[in-house]
Amino acid sequence: LDTMRRGGLWAPSNCEQGVCGTCMVKRVRGNVALRQNHVLSEQDLAAGLTLACQGVPCDSICEIELEG
């Protein structure tokens, strides 16, 4: 979320604590570690969903897309 904002991109967000899911995005390429996650299920994670507010890229290239 911070990286998107620094790059001038708009992204939906609300709590910024991994609780609400407003910032949910789809991981397309690369791996993302979540600092906090109180909303995504194991199924969500397996489907490639992650939270922009809590996501930390684990690879040098990481691509996500906004849902909706």
PDB file of N, CA and C in Angstrom:
ATOM      1  N   LEU A   1       0.836  -1.183   0.000  1.00  0.00           N
ATOM      2  CA  LEU A   1       0.000   0.000   0.000  1.00  0.00           C
ATOM      3  C   LEU A   1       0.879   1.243   0.000  1.00  0.00           C
ATOM      4  N   ASP A   2       1.883   1.249   0.846  1.00  0.00           N
ATOM      5  CA  ASP A   2       2.793   2.402   0.890  1.00  0.00           C
ATOM      6  C   ASP A   2       3.512   2.583  -0.441  1.00  0.00           C
ATOM      7  N   THR A   3       3.959   1.481  -1.028  1.00  0.00           N
ATOM      8  CA  THR A   3       4.668   1.552  -2.307  1.00  0.00           C
ATOM      9  C   THR A   3       3.752   2.062  -3.406  1.00  0.00           C
ATOM     10  N   MET A   4       2.517   1.599  -3.419  1.00  0.00           N
ATOM     11  CA  MET A   4       1.566   2.081  -4.419  1.00  0.00           C
ATOM     12  C   MET A   4       1.344   3.579  -4.259  1.00  0.00           C
ATOM     13  N   ARG A   5       1.174   4.011  -3.049  1.00  0.00           N
ATOM     14  CA  ARG A   5       0.955   5.442  -2.797  1.00  0.00           C
ATOM     15  C   ARG A   5       2.170   6.274  -3.200  1.00  0.00           C
ATOM     16  N   ARG A   6       3.363   5.787  -2.863  1.00  0.00           N
ATOM     17  CA  ARG A   6       4.577   6.513  -3.257  1.00  0.00           C
ATOM     18  C   ARG A   6       4.696   6.601  -4.772  1.00  0.00           C
ATOM     19  N   GLY A   7       4.188   5.600  -5.468  1.00  0.00           N
ATOM     20  CA  GLY A   7       4.221   5.592  -6.926  1.00  0.00           C
ATOM     21  C   GLY A   7       3.087   6.377  -7.555  1.00  0.00           C
ATOM     22  N   GLY A   8       2.265   7.019  -6.725  1.00  0.00           N
ATOM     23  CA  GLY A   8       1.175   7.834  -7.244  1.00  0.00           C
ATOM     24  C   GLY A   8      -0.068   7.050  -7.615  1.00  0.00           C
ATOM     25  N   LEU A   9      -0.154   5.799  -7.176  1.00  0.00           N
ATOM     26  CA  LEU A   9      -1.313   4.975  -7.482  1.00  0.00           C
ATOM     27  C   LEU A   9      -2.332   5.030  -6.351  1.00  0.00           C
ATOM     28  N   TRP A  10      -3.588   5.004  -6.720  1.00  0.00           N
ATOM     29  CA  TRP A  10      -4.651   4.954  -5.722  1.00  0.00           C
ATOM     30  C   TRP A  10      -4.959   3.496  -5.427  1.00  0.00           C
ATOM     31  N   ALA A  11      -5.162   3.189  -4.185  1.00  0.00           N
ATOM     32  CA  ALA A  11      -5.571   1.847  -3.785  1.00  0.00           C
ATOM     33  C   ALA A  11      -6.555   1.976  -2.633  1.00  0.00           C
ATOM     34  N   PRO A  12      -7.610   1.183  -2.641  1.00  0.00           N
ATOM     35  CA  PRO A  12      -8.572   1.243  -1.545  1.00  0.00           C
ATOM     36  C   PRO A  12      -7.932   0.784  -0.242  1.00  0.00           C
ATOM     37  N   SER A  13      -8.284   1.441   0.831  1.00  0.00           N
ATOM     38  CA  SER A  13      -7.800   1.031   2.155  1.00  0.00           C
ATOM     39  C   SER A  13      -8.726   1.598   3.208  1.00  0.00           C
ATOM     40  N   ASN A  14      -8.633   1.057   4.388  1.00  0.00           N
ATOM     41  CA  ASN A  14      -9.454   1.539   5.485  1.00  0.00           C
ATOM     42  C   ASN A  14      -8.679   1.447   6.788  1.00  0.00           C
ATOM     43  N   CYS A  15      -8.594   0.271   7.379  1.00  0.00           N
ATOM     44  CA  CYS A  15      -7.993   0.138   8.708  1.00  0.00           C
ATOM     45  C   CYS A  15      -6.464   0.150   8.681  1.00  0.00           C
ATOM     46  N   GLU A  16      -5.874  -0.348   7.605  1.00  0.00           N
ATOM     47  CA  GLU A  16      -4.420  -0.455   7.441  1.00  0.00           C
ATOM     48  C   GLU A  16      -3.757  -1.297   8.535  1.00  0.00           C
ATOM     49  N   GLN A  17      -4.518  -2.250   9.093  1.00  0.00           N
ATOM     50  CA  GLN A  17      -4.001  -3.131  10.138  1.00  0.00           C
ATOM     51  C   GLN A  17      -4.262  -4.606   9.844  1.00  0.00           C
ATOM     52  N   GLY A  18      -4.689  -4.912   8.619  1.00  0.00           N
ATOM     53  CA  GLY A  18      -4.952  -6.300   8.247  1.00  0.00           C
ATOM     54  C   GLY A  18      -6.224  -6.871   8.810  1.00  0.00           C
ATOM     55  N   VAL A  19      -7.179  -6.001   9.148  1.00  0.00           N
ATOM     56  CA  VAL A  19      -8.407  -6.453   9.790  1.00  0.00           C
ATOM     57  C   VAL A  19      -9.623  -6.383   8.868  1.00  0.00           C
ATOM     58  N   CYS A  20      -9.730  -5.360   8.029  1.00  0.00           N
ATOM     59  CA  CYS A  20     -10.975  -5.133   7.294  1.00  0.00           C
ATOM     60  C   CYS A  20     -11.023  -5.784   5.911  1.00  0.00           C
ATOM     61  N   GLY A  21      -9.899  -5.964   5.241  1.00  0.00           N
ATOM     62  CA  GLY A  21      -9.886  -6.557   3.911  1.00  0.00           C
ATOM     63  C   GLY A  21     -10.162  -5.586   2.770  1.00  0.00           C
ATOM     64  N   THR A  22     -10.328  -4.315   3.073  1.00  0.00           N
ATOM     65  CA  THR A  22     -10.599  -3.319   2.033  1.00  0.00           C
ATOM     66  C   THR A  22      -9.476  -3.252   1.006  1.00  0.00           C
ATOM     67  N   CYS A  23      -8.253  -3.483   1.421  1.00  0.00           N
ATOM     68  CA  CYS A  23      -7.084  -3.363   0.542  1.00  0.00           C
ATOM     69  C   CYS A  23      -6.702  -4.676  -0.125  1.00  0.00           C
ATOM     70  N   MET A  24      -7.613  -5.645  -0.154  1.00  0.00           N
ATOM     71  CA  MET A  24      -7.323  -6.944  -0.723  1.00  0.00           C
ATOM     72  C   MET A  24      -6.935  -6.819  -2.204  1.00  0.00           C
ATOM     73  N   VAL A  25      -5.861  -7.488  -2.577  1.00  0.00           N
ATOM     74  CA  VAL A  25      -5.379  -7.507  -3.949  1.00  0.00           C
ATOM     75  C   VAL A  25      -5.043  -8.946  -4.337  1.00  0.00           C
ATOM     76  N   LYS A  26      -4.907  -9.182  -5.620  1.00  0.00           N
ATOM     77  CA  LYS A  26      -4.549 -10.513  -6.127  1.00  0.00           C
ATOM     78  C   LYS A  26      -3.070 -10.518  -6.479  1.00  0.00           C
ATOM     79  N   ARG A  27      -2.346 -11.459  -5.926  1.00  0.00           N
ATOM     80  CA  ARG A  27      -0.932 -11.634  -6.254  1.00  0.00           C
ATOM     81  C   ARG A  27      -0.863 -12.345  -7.591  1.00  0.00           C
ATOM     82  N   VAL A  28      -0.193 -11.713  -8.558  1.00  0.00           N
ATOM     83  CA  VAL A  28      -0.064 -12.273  -9.903  1.00  0.00           C
ATOM     84  C   VAL A  28       1.299 -12.929 -10.078  1.00  0.00           C
ATOM     85  N   ARG A  29       2.328 -12.293  -9.540  1.00  0.00           N
ATOM     86  CA  ARG A  29       3.689 -12.812  -9.683  1.00  0.00           C
ATOM     87  C   ARG A  29       4.500 -12.439  -8.456  1.00  0.00           C
ATOM     88  N   GLY A  30       5.353 -13.339  -8.011  1.00  0.00           N
ATOM     89  CA  GLY A  30       6.171 -13.098  -6.830  1.00  0.00           C
ATOM     90  C   GLY A  30       5.443 -13.540  -5.569  1.00  0.00           C
ATOM     91  N   ASN A  31       6.160 -13.541  -4.479  1.00  0.00           N
ATOM     92  CA  ASN A  31       5.592 -13.935  -3.189  1.00  0.00           C
ATOM     93  C   ASN A  31       5.485 -12.732  -2.270  1.00  0.00           C
ATOM     94  N   VAL A  32       4.469 -12.769  -1.419  1.00  0.00           N
ATOM     95  CA  VAL A  32       4.199 -11.686  -0.479  1.00  0.00           C
ATOM     96  C   VAL A  32       4.022 -12.295   0.907  1.00  0.00           C
ATOM     97  N   ALA A  33       4.707 -11.738   1.894  1.00  0.00           N
ATOM     98  CA  ALA A  33       4.519 -12.146   3.288  1.00  0.00           C
ATOM     99  C   ALA A  33       3.612 -11.114   3.956  1.00  0.00           C
ATOM    100  N   LEU A  34       2.712 -11.578   4.785  1.00  0.00           N
ATOM    101  CA  LEU A  34       1.813 -10.670   5.500  1.00  0.00           C
ATOM    102  C   LEU A  34       2.298 -10.475   6.932  1.00  0.00           C
ATOM    103  N   ARG A  35       2.451  -9.218   7.331  1.00  0.00           N
ATOM    104  CA  ARG A  35       2.828  -8.919   8.720  1.00  0.00           C
ATOM    105  C   ARG A  35       1.683  -9.246   9.659  1.00  0.00           C
ATOM    106  N   GLN A  36       0.462  -8.924   9.256  1.00  0.00           N
ATOM    107  CA  GLN A  36      -0.755  -9.203  10.032  1.00  0.00           C
ATOM    108  C   GLN A  36      -1.811  -9.693   9.061  1.00  0.00           C
ATOM    109  N   ASN A  37      -2.652 -10.597   9.490  1.00  0.00           N
ATOM    110  CA  ASN A  37      -3.765 -11.069   8.668  1.00  0.00           C
ATOM    111  C   ASN A  37      -4.862 -11.571   9.585  1.00  0.00           C
ATOM    112  N   HIS A  38      -5.930 -10.798   9.672  1.00  0.00           N
ATOM    113  CA  HIS A  38      -7.066 -11.190  10.499  1.00  0.00           C
ATOM    114  C   HIS A  38      -8.307 -11.417   9.652  1.00  0.00           C
ATOM    115  N   VAL A  39      -8.154 -11.427   8.326  1.00  0.00           N
ATOM    116  CA  VAL A  39      -9.336 -11.483   7.465  1.00  0.00           C
ATOM    117  C   VAL A  39      -9.260 -12.550   6.369  1.00  0.00           C
ATOM    118  N   LEU A  40      -8.096 -12.860   5.846  1.00  0.00           N
ATOM    119  CA  LEU A  40      -7.988 -13.814   4.747  1.00  0.00           C
ATOM    120  C   LEU A  40      -7.871 -15.242   5.269  1.00  0.00           C
ATOM    121  N   SER A  41      -8.634 -16.137   4.654  1.00  0.00           N
ATOM    122  CA  SER A  41      -8.584 -17.552   5.023  1.00  0.00           C
ATOM    123  C   SER A  41      -7.435 -18.239   4.276  1.00  0.00           C
ATOM    124  N   GLU A  42      -7.155 -19.472   4.647  1.00  0.00           N
ATOM    125  CA  GLU A  42      -6.151 -20.255   3.940  1.00  0.00           C
ATOM    126  C   GLU A  42      -6.553 -20.421   2.469  1.00  0.00           C
ATOM    127  N   GLN A  43      -7.849 -20.549   2.206  1.00  0.00           N
ATOM    128  CA  GLN A  43      -8.352 -20.641   0.832  1.00  0.00           C
ATOM    129  C   GLN A  43      -8.060 -19.365   0.059  1.00  0.00           C
ATOM    130  N   ASP A  44      -8.293 -18.215   0.683  1.00  0.00           N
ATOM    131  CA  ASP A  44      -8.006 -16.929   0.054  1.00  0.00           C
ATOM    132  C   ASP A  44      -6.525 -16.825  -0.302  1.00  0.00           C
ATOM    133  N   LEU A  45      -5.683 -17.178   0.648  1.00  0.00           N
ATOM    134  CA  LEU A  45      -4.237 -17.111   0.433  1.00  0.00           C
ATOM    135  C   LEU A  45      -3.807 -18.052  -0.694  1.00  0.00           C
ATOM    136  N   ALA A  46      -4.368 -19.258  -0.723  1.00  0.00           N
ATOM    137  CA  ALA A  46      -4.047 -20.221  -1.771  1.00  0.00           C
ATOM    138  C   ALA A  46      -4.499 -19.731  -3.142  1.00  0.00           C
ATOM    139  N   ALA A  47      -5.556 -18.916  -3.170  1.00  0.00           N
ATOM    140  CA  ALA A  47      -6.060 -18.351  -4.429  1.00  0.00           C
ATOM    141  C   ALA A  47      -5.253 -17.131  -4.867  1.00  0.00           C
ATOM    142  N   GLY A  48      -4.252 -16.744  -4.070  1.00  0.00           N
ATOM    143  CA  GLY A  48      -3.397 -15.627  -4.450  1.00  0.00           C
ATOM    144  C   GLY A  48      -3.820 -14.285  -3.887  1.00  0.00           C
ATOM    145  N   LEU A  49      -4.818 -14.260  -3.018  1.00  0.00           N
ATOM    146  CA  LEU A  49      -5.228 -12.994  -2.430  1.00  0.00           C
ATOM    147  C   LEU A  49      -4.265 -12.601  -1.317  1.00  0.00           C
ATOM    148  N   THR A  50      -4.072 -11.316  -1.164  1.00  0.00           N
ATOM    149  CA  THR A  50      -3.211 -10.792  -0.112  1.00  0.00           C
ATOM    150  C   THR A  50      -3.709  -9.402   0.268  1.00  0.00           C
ATOM    151  N   LEU A  51      -3.143  -8.821   1.294  1.00  0.00           N
ATOM    152  CA  LEU A  51      -3.545  -7.501   1.767  1.00  0.00           C
ATOM    153  C   LEU A  51      -2.448  -6.489   1.462  1.00  0.00           C
ATOM    154  N   ALA A  52      -2.793  -5.455   0.721  1.00  0.00           N
ATOM    155  CA  ALA A  52      -1.799  -4.443   0.339  1.00  0.00           C
ATOM    156  C   ALA A  52      -1.232  -3.719   1.562  1.00  0.00           C
ATOM    157  N   CYS A  53      -2.030  -3.532   2.589  1.00  0.00           N
ATOM    158  CA  CYS A  53      -1.562  -2.765   3.749  1.00  0.00           C
ATOM    159  C   CYS A  53      -0.541  -3.524   4.588  1.00  0.00           C
ATOM    160  N   GLN A  54      -0.562  -4.846   4.511  1.00  0.00           N
ATOM    161  CA  GLN A  54       0.312  -5.661   5.349  1.00  0.00           C
ATOM    162  C   GLN A  54       1.313  -6.485   4.547  1.00  0.00           C
ATOM    163  N   GLY A  55       1.206  -6.443   3.233  1.00  0.00           N
ATOM    164  CA  GLY A  55       2.046  -7.256   2.373  1.00  0.00           C
ATOM    165  C   GLY A  55       3.452  -6.709   2.232  1.00  0.00           C
ATOM    166  N   VAL A  56       4.416  -7.603   2.339  1.00  0.00           N
ATOM    167  CA  VAL A  56       5.819  -7.270   2.145  1.00  0.00           C
ATOM    168  C   VAL A  56       6.344  -8.177   1.026  1.00  0.00           C
ATOM    169  N   PRO A  57       6.824  -7.590  -0.083  1.00  0.00           N
ATOM    170  CA  PRO A  57       7.336  -8.426  -1.178  1.00  0.00           C
ATOM    171  C   PRO A  57       8.511  -9.281  -0.710  1.00  0.00           C
ATOM    172  N   CYS A  58       8.508 -10.546  -1.115  1.00  0.00           N
ATOM    173  CA  CYS A  58       9.591 -11.468  -0.775  1.00  0.00           C
ATOM    174  C   CYS A  58      10.522 -11.702  -1.959  1.00  0.00           C
ATOM    175  N   ASP A  59      10.129 -11.241  -3.121  1.00  0.00           N
ATOM    176  CA  ASP A  59      10.916 -11.429  -4.337  1.00  0.00           C
ATOM    177  C   ASP A  59      11.252 -10.070  -4.936  1.00  0.00           C
ATOM    178  N   SER A  60      12.277 -10.047  -5.786  1.00  0.00           N
ATOM    179  CA  SER A  60      12.685  -8.771  -6.390  1.00  0.00           C
ATOM    180  C   SER A  60      11.625  -8.245  -7.350  1.00  0.00           C
ATOM    181  N   ILE A  61      10.819  -9.130  -7.913  1.00  0.00           N
ATOM    182  CA  ILE A  61       9.703  -8.718  -8.765  1.00  0.00           C
ATOM    183  C   ILE A  61       8.427  -9.252  -8.141  1.00  0.00           C
ATOM    184  N   CYS A  62       7.493  -8.359  -7.918  1.00  0.00           N
ATOM    185  CA  CYS A  62       6.217  -8.728  -7.328  1.00  0.00           C
ATOM    186  C   CYS A  62       5.128  -7.957  -8.063  1.00  0.00           C
ATOM    187  N   GLU A  63       4.150  -8.660  -8.568  1.00  0.00           N
ATOM    188  CA  GLU A  63       3.076  -8.022  -9.331  1.00  0.00           C
ATOM    189  C   GLU A  63       1.739  -8.360  -8.675  1.00  0.00           C
ATOM    190  N   ILE A  64       0.919  -7.345  -8.489  1.00  0.00           N
ATOM    191  CA  ILE A  64      -0.409  -7.534  -7.922  1.00  0.00           C
ATOM    192  C   ILE A  64      -1.434  -6.825  -8.801  1.00  0.00           C
ATOM    193  N   GLU A  65      -2.692  -7.185  -8.634  1.00  0.00           N
ATOM    194  CA  GLU A  65      -3.755  -6.445  -9.320  1.00  0.00           C
ATOM    195  C   GLU A  65      -4.871  -6.194  -8.329  1.00  0.00           C
ATOM    196  N   LEU A  66      -5.499  -5.051  -8.473  1.00  0.00           N
ATOM    197  CA  LEU A  66      -6.615  -4.693  -7.611  1.00  0.00           C
ATOM    198  C   LEU A  66      -7.812  -5.543  -7.973  1.00  0.00           C
ATOM    199  N   GLU A  67      -8.509  -6.032  -6.998  1.00  0.00           N
ATOM    200  CA  GLU A  67      -9.727  -6.798  -7.230  1.00  0.00           C
ATOM    201  C   GLU A  67     -10.860  -5.846  -7.546  1.00  0.00           C
ATOM    202  N   GLY A  68     -11.829  -6.350  -8.306  1.00  0.00           N
ATOM    203  CA  GLY A  68     -13.037  -5.570  -8.586  1.00  0.00           C
ATOM    204  C   GLY A  68     -12.808  -4.654  -9.669  1.00  0.00           C
TER     205      GLY A  68
END
